[in-house]
PDB file of N, CA and C in Angstrom:
ATOM      1  N   UNK A   1     -36.387 -58.926-183.714  1.00  0.00           N
ATOM      2  CA  UNK A   1     -36.653 -57.520-183.911  1.00  0.00           C
ATOM      3  C   UNK A   1     -37.997 -57.186-183.286  1.00  0.00           C
ATOM      4  N   UNK A   2     -38.084 -55.983-182.742  1.00  0.00           N
ATOM      5  CA  UNK A   2     -39.339 -55.511-182.173  1.00  0.00           C
ATOM      6  C   UNK A   2     -39.774 -54.242-182.891  1.00  0.00           C
ATOM      7  N   UNK A   3     -41.073 -54.174-183.139  1.00  0.00           N
ATOM      8  CA  UNK A   3     -41.653 -53.023-183.812  1.00  0.00           C
ATOM      9  C   UNK A   3     -42.840 -52.510-183.023  1.00  0.00           C
ATOM     10  N   UNK A   4     -43.013 -51.198-183.002  1.00  0.00           N
ATOM     11  CA  UNK A   4     -44.212 -50.582-182.441  1.00  0.00           C
ATOM     12  C   UNK A   4     -45.173 -50.376-183.610  1.00  0.00           C
ATOM     13  N   UNK A   5     -46.384 -50.913-183.462  1.00  0.00           N
ATOM     14  CA  UNK A   5     -47.406 -50.819-184.512  1.00  0.00           C
ATOM     15  C   UNK A   5     -48.660 -50.232-183.855  1.00  0.00           C
ATOM     16  N   UNK A   6     -48.760 -48.901-183.798  1.00  0.00           N
ATOM     17  CA  UNK A   6     -49.832 -48.265-183.027  1.00  0.00           C
ATOM     18  C   UNK A   6     -51.244 -48.554-183.516  1.00  0.00           C
ATOM     19  N   UNK A   7     -51.407 -48.863-184.795  1.00  0.00           N
ATOM     20  CA  UNK A   7     -52.752 -49.103-185.318  1.00  0.00           C
ATOM     21  C   UNK A   7     -53.142 -50.578-185.323  1.00  0.00           C
ATOM     22  N   UNK A   8     -52.398 -51.429-184.624  1.00  0.00           N
ATOM     23  CA  UNK A   8     -52.759 -52.844-184.445  1.00  0.00           C
ATOM     24  C   UNK A   8     -53.720 -52.904-183.256  1.00  0.00           C
ATOM     25  N   UNK A   9     -54.991 -53.214-183.516  1.00  0.00           N
ATOM     26  CA  UNK A   9     -55.991 -53.122-182.452  1.00  0.00           C
ATOM     27  C   UNK A   9     -56.806 -54.388-182.196  1.00  0.00           C
ATOM     28  N   UNK A  10     -56.681 -55.403-183.062  1.00  0.00           N
ATOM     29  CA  UNK A  10     -57.540 -56.574-182.885  1.00  0.00           C
ATOM     30  C   UNK A  10     -56.845 -57.841-183.402  1.00  0.00           C
ATOM     31  N   UNK A  11     -57.490 -58.961-183.190  1.00  0.00           N
ATOM     32  CA  UNK A  11     -56.914 -60.236-183.636  1.00  0.00           C
ATOM     33  C   UNK A  11     -56.822 -60.331-185.153  1.00  0.00           C
ATOM     34  N   UNK A  12     -57.709 -59.665-185.866  1.00  0.00           N
ATOM     35  CA  UNK A  12     -57.617 -59.649-187.324  1.00  0.00           C
ATOM     36  C   UNK A  12     -56.336 -58.931-187.758  1.00  0.00           C
ATOM     37  N   UNK A  13     -55.994 -57.858-187.049  1.00  0.00           N
ATOM     38  CA  UNK A  13     -54.737 -57.153-187.311  1.00  0.00           C
ATOM     39  C   UNK A  13     -53.551 -58.087-187.082  1.00  0.00           C
ATOM     40  N   UNK A  14     -53.592 -58.822-185.977  1.00  0.00           N
ATOM     41  CA  UNK A  14     -52.516 -59.750-185.642  1.00  0.00           C
ATOM     42  C   UNK A  14     -52.344 -60.773-186.761  1.00  0.00           C
ATOM     43  N   UNK A  15     -53.441 -61.340-187.244  1.00  0.00           N
ATOM     44  CA  UNK A  15     -53.372 -62.338-188.309  1.00  0.00           C
ATOM     45  C   UNK A  15     -52.814 -61.730-189.594  1.00  0.00           C
ATOM     46  N   UNK A  16     -53.246 -60.528-189.928  1.00  0.00           N
ATOM     47  CA  UNK A  16     -52.755 -59.856-191.138  1.00  0.00           C
ATOM     48  C   UNK A  16     -51.261 -59.577-191.050  1.00  0.00           C
ATOM     49  N   UNK A  17     -50.819 -59.123-189.894  1.00  0.00           N
ATOM     50  CA  UNK A  17     -49.402 -58.835-189.695  1.00  0.00           C
ATOM     51  C   UNK A  17     -48.575 -60.109-189.781  1.00  0.00           C
ATOM     52  N   UNK A  18     -49.035 -61.166-189.120  1.00  0.00           N
ATOM     53  CA  UNK A  18     -48.317 -62.448-189.155  1.00  0.00           C
ATOM     54  C   UNK A  18     -48.204 -62.967-190.579  1.00  0.00           C
ATOM     55  N   UNK A  19     -49.272 -62.886-191.330  1.00  0.00           N
ATOM     56  CA  UNK A  19     -49.283 -63.354-192.718  1.00  0.00           C
ATOM     57  C   UNK A  19     -48.310 -62.540-193.567  1.00  0.00           C
ATOM     58  N   UNK A  20     -48.301 -61.227-193.391  1.00  0.00           N
ATOM     59  CA  UNK A  20     -47.409 -60.363-194.169  1.00  0.00           C
ATOM     60  C   UNK A  20     -45.945 -60.673-193.876  1.00  0.00           C
ATOM     61  N   UNK A  21     -45.610 -60.840-192.600  1.00  0.00           N
ATOM     62  CA  UNK A  21     -44.227 -61.143-192.227  1.00  0.00           C
ATOM     63  C   UNK A  21     -43.826 -62.500-192.786  1.00  0.00           C
ATOM     64  N   UNK A  22     -44.689 -63.493-192.621  1.00  0.00           N
ATOM     65  CA  UNK A  22     -44.355 -64.841-193.071  1.00  0.00           C
ATOM     66  C   UNK A  22     -44.365 -64.977-194.587  1.00  0.00           C
ATOM     67  N   UNK A  23     -44.933 -64.006-195.291  1.00  0.00           N
ATOM     68  CA  UNK A  23     -44.876 -64.049-196.749  1.00  0.00           C
ATOM     69  C   UNK A  23     -43.462 -63.737-197.254  1.00  0.00           C
ATOM     70  N   UNK A  24     -42.693 -62.967-196.473  1.00  0.00           N
ATOM     71  CA  UNK A  24     -41.312 -62.683-196.877  1.00  0.00           C
ATOM     72  C   UNK A  24     -40.302 -63.517-196.098  1.00  0.00           C
ATOM     73  N   UNK A  25     -40.717 -64.106-194.978  1.00  0.00           N
ATOM     74  CA  UNK A  25     -39.847 -64.970-194.187  1.00  0.00           C
ATOM     75  C   UNK A  25     -40.698 -66.056-193.526  1.00  0.00           C
ATOM     76  N   UNK A  26     -40.924 -67.155-194.259  1.00  0.00           N
ATOM     77  CA  UNK A  26     -41.825 -68.208-193.770  1.00  0.00           C
ATOM     78  C   UNK A  26     -41.448 -68.809-192.417  1.00  0.00           C
ATOM     79  N   UNK A  27     -40.162 -68.790-192.047  1.00  0.00           N
ATOM     80  CA  UNK A  27     -39.741 -69.382-190.775  1.00  0.00           C
ATOM     81  C   UNK A  27     -39.902 -68.435-189.594  1.00  0.00           C
ATOM     82  N   UNK A  28     -40.295 -67.201-189.841  1.00  0.00           N
ATOM     83  CA  UNK A  28     -40.380 -66.206-188.779  1.00  0.00           C
ATOM     84  C   UNK A  28     -41.407 -66.596-187.724  1.00  0.00           C
ATOM     85  N   UNK A  29     -41.054 -66.310-186.480  1.00  0.00           N
ATOM     86  CA  UNK A  29     -41.976 -66.457-185.363  1.00  0.00           C
ATOM     87  C   UNK A  29     -42.462 -65.049-185.024  1.00  0.00           C
ATOM     88  N   UNK A  30     -43.769 -64.833-185.132  1.00  0.00           N
ATOM     89  CA  UNK A  30     -44.343 -63.510-184.918  1.00  0.00           C
ATOM     90  C   UNK A  30     -45.163 -63.530-183.629  1.00  0.00           C
ATOM     91  N   UNK A  31     -44.802 -62.655-182.686  1.00  0.00           N
ATOM     92  CA  UNK A  31     -45.515 -62.543-181.421  1.00  0.00           C
ATOM     93  C   UNK A  31     -46.036 -61.116-181.314  1.00  0.00           C
ATOM     94  N   UNK A  32     -47.357 -60.989-181.190  1.00  0.00           N
ATOM     95  CA  UNK A  32     -47.984 -59.672-181.129  1.00  0.00           C
ATOM     96  C   UNK A  32     -48.565 -59.424-179.743  1.00  0.00           C
ATOM     97  N   UNK A  33     -48.354 -58.225-179.227  1.00  0.00           N
ATOM     98  CA  UNK A  33     -48.910 -57.795-177.949  1.00  0.00           C
ATOM     99  C   UNK A  33     -49.866 -56.644-178.248  1.00  0.00           C
ATOM    100  N   UNK A  34     -51.168 -56.949-178.244  1.00  0.00           N
ATOM    101  CA  UNK A  34     -52.163 -55.937-178.588  1.00  0.00           C
ATOM    102  C   UNK A  34     -52.198 -54.782-177.591  1.00  0.00           C
ATOM    103  N   UNK A  35     -52.000 -55.062-176.305  1.00  0.00           N
ATOM    104  CA  UNK A  35     -52.098 -53.998-175.307  1.00  0.00           C
ATOM    105  C   UNK A  35     -50.958 -52.991-175.429  1.00  0.00           C
ATOM    106  N   UNK A  36     -49.774 -53.462-175.815  1.00  0.00           N
ATOM    107  CA  UNK A  36     -48.619 -52.581-175.972  1.00  0.00           C
ATOM    108  C   UNK A  36     -48.401 -52.154-177.428  1.00  0.00           C
ATOM    109  N   UNK A  37     -49.182 -52.729-178.341  1.00  0.00           N
ATOM    110  CA  UNK A  37     -49.044 -52.464-179.778  1.00  0.00           C
ATOM    111  C   UNK A  37     -47.633 -52.790-180.269  1.00  0.00           C
ATOM    112  N   UNK A  38     -47.111 -53.909-179.778  1.00  0.00           N
ATOM    113  CA  UNK A  38     -45.763 -54.336-180.134  1.00  0.00           C
ATOM    114  C   UNK A  38     -45.807 -55.645-180.919  1.00  0.00           C
ATOM    115  N   UNK A  39     -44.907 -55.746-181.885  1.00  0.00           N
ATOM    116  CA  UNK A  39     -44.753 -56.970-182.678  1.00  0.00           C
ATOM    117  C   UNK A  39     -43.299 -57.390-182.556  1.00  0.00           C
ATOM    118  N   UNK A  40     -43.090 -58.621-182.101  1.00  0.00           N
ATOM    119  CA  UNK A  40     -41.737 -59.163-182.014  1.00  0.00           C
ATOM    120  C   UNK A  40     -41.607 -60.254-183.066  1.00  0.00           C
ATOM    121  N   UNK A  41     -40.566 -60.146-183.860  1.00  0.00           N
ATOM    122  CA  UNK A  41     -40.337 -61.093-184.948  1.00  0.00           C
ATOM    123  C   UNK A  41     -39.013 -61.786-184.669  1.00  0.00           C
ATOM    124  N   UNK A  42     -39.081 -63.096-184.527  1.00  0.00           N
ATOM    125  CA  UNK A  42     -37.894 -63.855-184.205  1.00  0.00           C
ATOM    126  C   UNK A  42     -37.638 -64.961-185.196  1.00  0.00           C
ATOM    127  N   UNK A  43     -36.516 -65.665-185.007  1.00  0.00           N
ATOM    128  CA  UNK A  43     -36.112 -66.801-185.826  1.00  0.00           C
ATOM    129  C   UNK A  43     -35.979 -66.411-187.292  1.00  0.00           C
ATOM    130  N   UNK A  44     -35.192 -65.369-187.526  1.00  0.00           N
ATOM    131  CA  UNK A  44     -35.011 -64.878-188.894  1.00  0.00           C
ATOM    132  C   UNK A  44     -33.740 -65.399-189.562  1.00  0.00           C
ATOM    133  N   UNK A  45     -33.179 -66.472-189.039  1.00  0.00           N
ATOM    134  CA  UNK A  45     -31.972 -67.040-189.646  1.00  0.00           C
ATOM    135  C   UNK A  45     -32.300 -67.595-191.024  1.00  0.00           C
ATOM    136  N   UNK A  46     -31.602 -67.124-192.009  1.00  0.00           N
ATOM    137  CA  UNK A  46     -31.781 -67.605-193.385  1.00  0.00           C
ATOM    138  C   UNK A  46     -30.575 -67.196-194.209  1.00  0.00           C
ATOM    139  N   UNK A  47     -30.459 -67.742-195.393  1.00  0.00           N
ATOM    140  CA  UNK A  47     -29.320 -67.441-196.261  1.00  0.00           C
ATOM    141  C   UNK A  47     -29.272 -65.956-196.636  1.00  0.00           C
ATOM    142  N   UNK A  48     -30.415 -65.372-196.928  1.00  0.00           N
ATOM    143  CA  UNK A  48     -30.502 -63.953-197.264  1.00  0.00           C
ATOM    144  C   UNK A  48     -31.277 -63.267-196.141  1.00  0.00           C
ATOM    145  N   UNK A  49     -30.592 -62.513-195.285  1.00  0.00           N
ATOM    146  CA  UNK A  49     -31.262 -61.897-194.132  1.00  0.00           C
ATOM    147  C   UNK A  49     -32.364 -60.919-194.535  1.00  0.00           C
ATOM    148  N   UNK A  50     -33.377 -60.853-193.703  1.00  0.00           N
ATOM    149  CA  UNK A  50     -34.454 -59.891-193.878  1.00  0.00           C
ATOM    150  C   UNK A  50     -34.104 -58.669-193.032  1.00  0.00           C
ATOM    151  N   UNK A  51     -34.197 -57.506-193.626  1.00  0.00           N
ATOM    152  CA  UNK A  51     -33.846 -56.278-192.914  1.00  0.00           C
ATOM    153  C   UNK A  51     -35.088 -55.689-192.237  1.00  0.00           C
ATOM    154  N   UNK A  52     -34.865 -54.848-191.232  1.00  0.00           N
ATOM    155  CA  UNK A  52     -36.006 -54.159-190.622  1.00  0.00           C
ATOM    156  C   UNK A  52     -36.800 -53.354-191.654  1.00  0.00           C
ATOM    157  N   UNK A  53     -36.096 -52.772-192.597  1.00  0.00           N
ATOM    158  CA  UNK A  53     -36.772 -51.977-193.629  1.00  0.00           C
ATOM    159  C   UNK A  53     -37.724 -52.830-194.462  1.00  0.00           C
ATOM    160  N   UNK A  54     -37.304 -54.067-194.794  1.00  0.00           N
ATOM    161  CA  UNK A  54     -38.176 -54.965-195.562  1.00  0.00           C
ATOM    162  C   UNK A  54     -39.425 -55.319-194.762  1.00  0.00           C
ATOM    163  N   UNK A  55     -39.270 -55.535-193.465  1.00  0.00           N
ATOM    164  CA  UNK A  55     -40.422 -55.853-192.625  1.00  0.00           C
ATOM    165  C   UNK A  55     -41.351 -54.654-192.484  1.00  0.00           C
ATOM    166  N   UNK A  56     -40.776 -53.468-192.308  1.00  0.00           N
ATOM    167  CA  UNK A  56     -41.594 -52.252-192.234  1.00  0.00           C
ATOM    168  C   UNK A  56     -42.353 -52.053-193.538  1.00  0.00           C
ATOM    169  N   UNK A  57     -41.690 -52.289-194.660  1.00  0.00           N
ATOM    170  CA  UNK A  57     -42.339 -52.154-195.970  1.00  0.00           C
ATOM    171  C   UNK A  57     -43.478 -53.157-196.128  1.00  0.00           C
ATOM    172  N   UNK A  58     -43.283 -54.382-195.652  1.00  0.00           N
ATOM    173  CA  UNK A  58     -44.335 -55.402-195.728  1.00  0.00           C
ATOM    174  C   UNK A  58     -45.554 -54.981-194.904  1.00  0.00           C
ATOM    175  N   UNK A  59     -45.320 -54.438-193.719  1.00  0.00           N
ATOM    176  CA  UNK A  59     -46.435 -53.986-192.879  1.00  0.00           C
ATOM    177  C   UNK A  59     -47.104 -52.752-193.464  1.00  0.00           C
ATOM    178  N   UNK A  60     -46.308 -51.842-194.011  1.00  0.00           N
ATOM    179  CA  UNK A  60     -46.857 -50.658-194.658  1.00  0.00           C
ATOM    180  C   UNK A  60     -47.740 -51.056-195.847  1.00  0.00           C
ATOM    181  N   UNK A  61     -47.333 -52.101-196.541  1.00  0.00           N
ATOM    182  CA  UNK A  61     -48.079 -52.574-197.698  1.00  0.00           C
ATOM    183  C   UNK A  61     -49.475 -53.075-197.369  1.00  0.00           C
ATOM    184  N   UNK A  62     -49.702 -53.438-196.109  1.00  0.00           N
ATOM    185  CA  UNK A  62     -51.044 -53.881-195.709  1.00  0.00           C
ATOM    186  C   UNK A  62     -51.728 -52.841-194.813  1.00  0.00           C
ATOM    187  N   UNK A  63     -51.140 -51.643-194.752  1.00  0.00           N
ATOM    188  CA  UNK A  63     -51.801 -50.532-194.079  1.00  0.00           C
ATOM    189  C   UNK A  63     -51.416 -50.284-192.634  1.00  0.00           C
ATOM    190  N   UNK A  64     -50.305 -50.843-192.165  1.00  0.00           N
ATOM    191  CA  UNK A  64     -49.877 -50.630-190.794  1.00  0.00           C
ATOM    192  C   UNK A  64     -48.594 -49.818-190.758  1.00  0.00           C
ATOM    193  N   UNK A  65     -48.569 -48.811-189.894  1.00  0.00           N
ATOM    194  CA  UNK A  65     -47.357 -48.028-189.680  1.00  0.00           C
ATOM    195  C   UNK A  65     -46.552 -48.729-188.597  1.00  0.00           C
ATOM    196  N   UNK A  66     -45.312 -49.038-188.883  1.00  0.00           N
ATOM    197  CA  UNK A  66     -44.452 -49.742-187.924  1.00  0.00           C
ATOM    198  C   UNK A  66     -43.153 -48.958-187.734  1.00  0.00           C
ATOM    199  N   UNK A  67     -42.682 -48.956-186.486  1.00  0.00           N
ATOM    200  CA  UNK A  67     -41.432 -48.294-186.150  1.00  0.00           C
ATOM    201  C   UNK A  67     -40.542 -49.309-185.437  1.00  0.00           C
ATOM    202  N   UNK A  68     -39.309 -49.427-185.898  1.00  0.00           N
ATOM    203  CA  UNK A  68     -38.362 -50.344-185.270  1.00  0.00           C
ATOM    204  C   UNK A  68     -38.050 -49.854-183.866  1.00  0.00           C
ATOM    205  N   UNK A  69     -38.183 -50.752-182.880  1.00  0.00           N
ATOM    206  CA  UNK A  69     -37.876 -50.441-181.493  1.00  0.00           C
ATOM    207  C   UNK A  69     -36.563 -51.089-181.081  1.00  0.00           C
ATOM    208  N   UNK A  70     -36.360 -52.334-181.535  1.00  0.00           N
ATOM    209  CA  UNK A  70     -35.148 -53.075-181.173  1.00  0.00           C
ATOM    210  C   UNK A  70     -34.758 -53.988-182.317  1.00  0.00           C
ATOM    211  N   UNK A  71     -33.529 -53.851-182.792  1.00  0.00           N
ATOM    212  CA  UNK A  71     -33.013 -54.727-183.832  1.00  0.00           C
ATOM    213  C   UNK A  71     -32.372 -55.938-183.185  1.00  0.00           C
ATOM    214  N   UNK A  72     -32.167 -56.979-183.948  1.00  0.00           N
ATOM    215  CA  UNK A  72     -31.464 -58.162-183.443  1.00  0.00           C
ATOM    216  C   UNK A  72     -30.017 -57.798-183.167  1.00  0.00           C
ATOM    217  N   UNK A  73     -29.511 -58.404-182.111  1.00  0.00           N
ATOM    218  CA  UNK A  73     -28.113 -58.114-181.740  1.00  0.00           C
ATOM    219  C   UNK A  73     -27.161 -58.911-182.597  1.00  0.00           C
TER     220      UNK A  73
END
């Protein structure tokens, strides 16, 4: 899944976002692009799938506005 996170501006933001995502899905691979303000979250295979809404809520909970750009196929 890809999300646009316009207020992600520094490496501290990247670390906070990665921690928030991995708190609800420890196996997730989080790749952040600061210049494009994009967060790609991969490897979400698990018994109980994580929805885009849950990820947006996790990011919102730490103060980041996120918009889904691309869902997993």
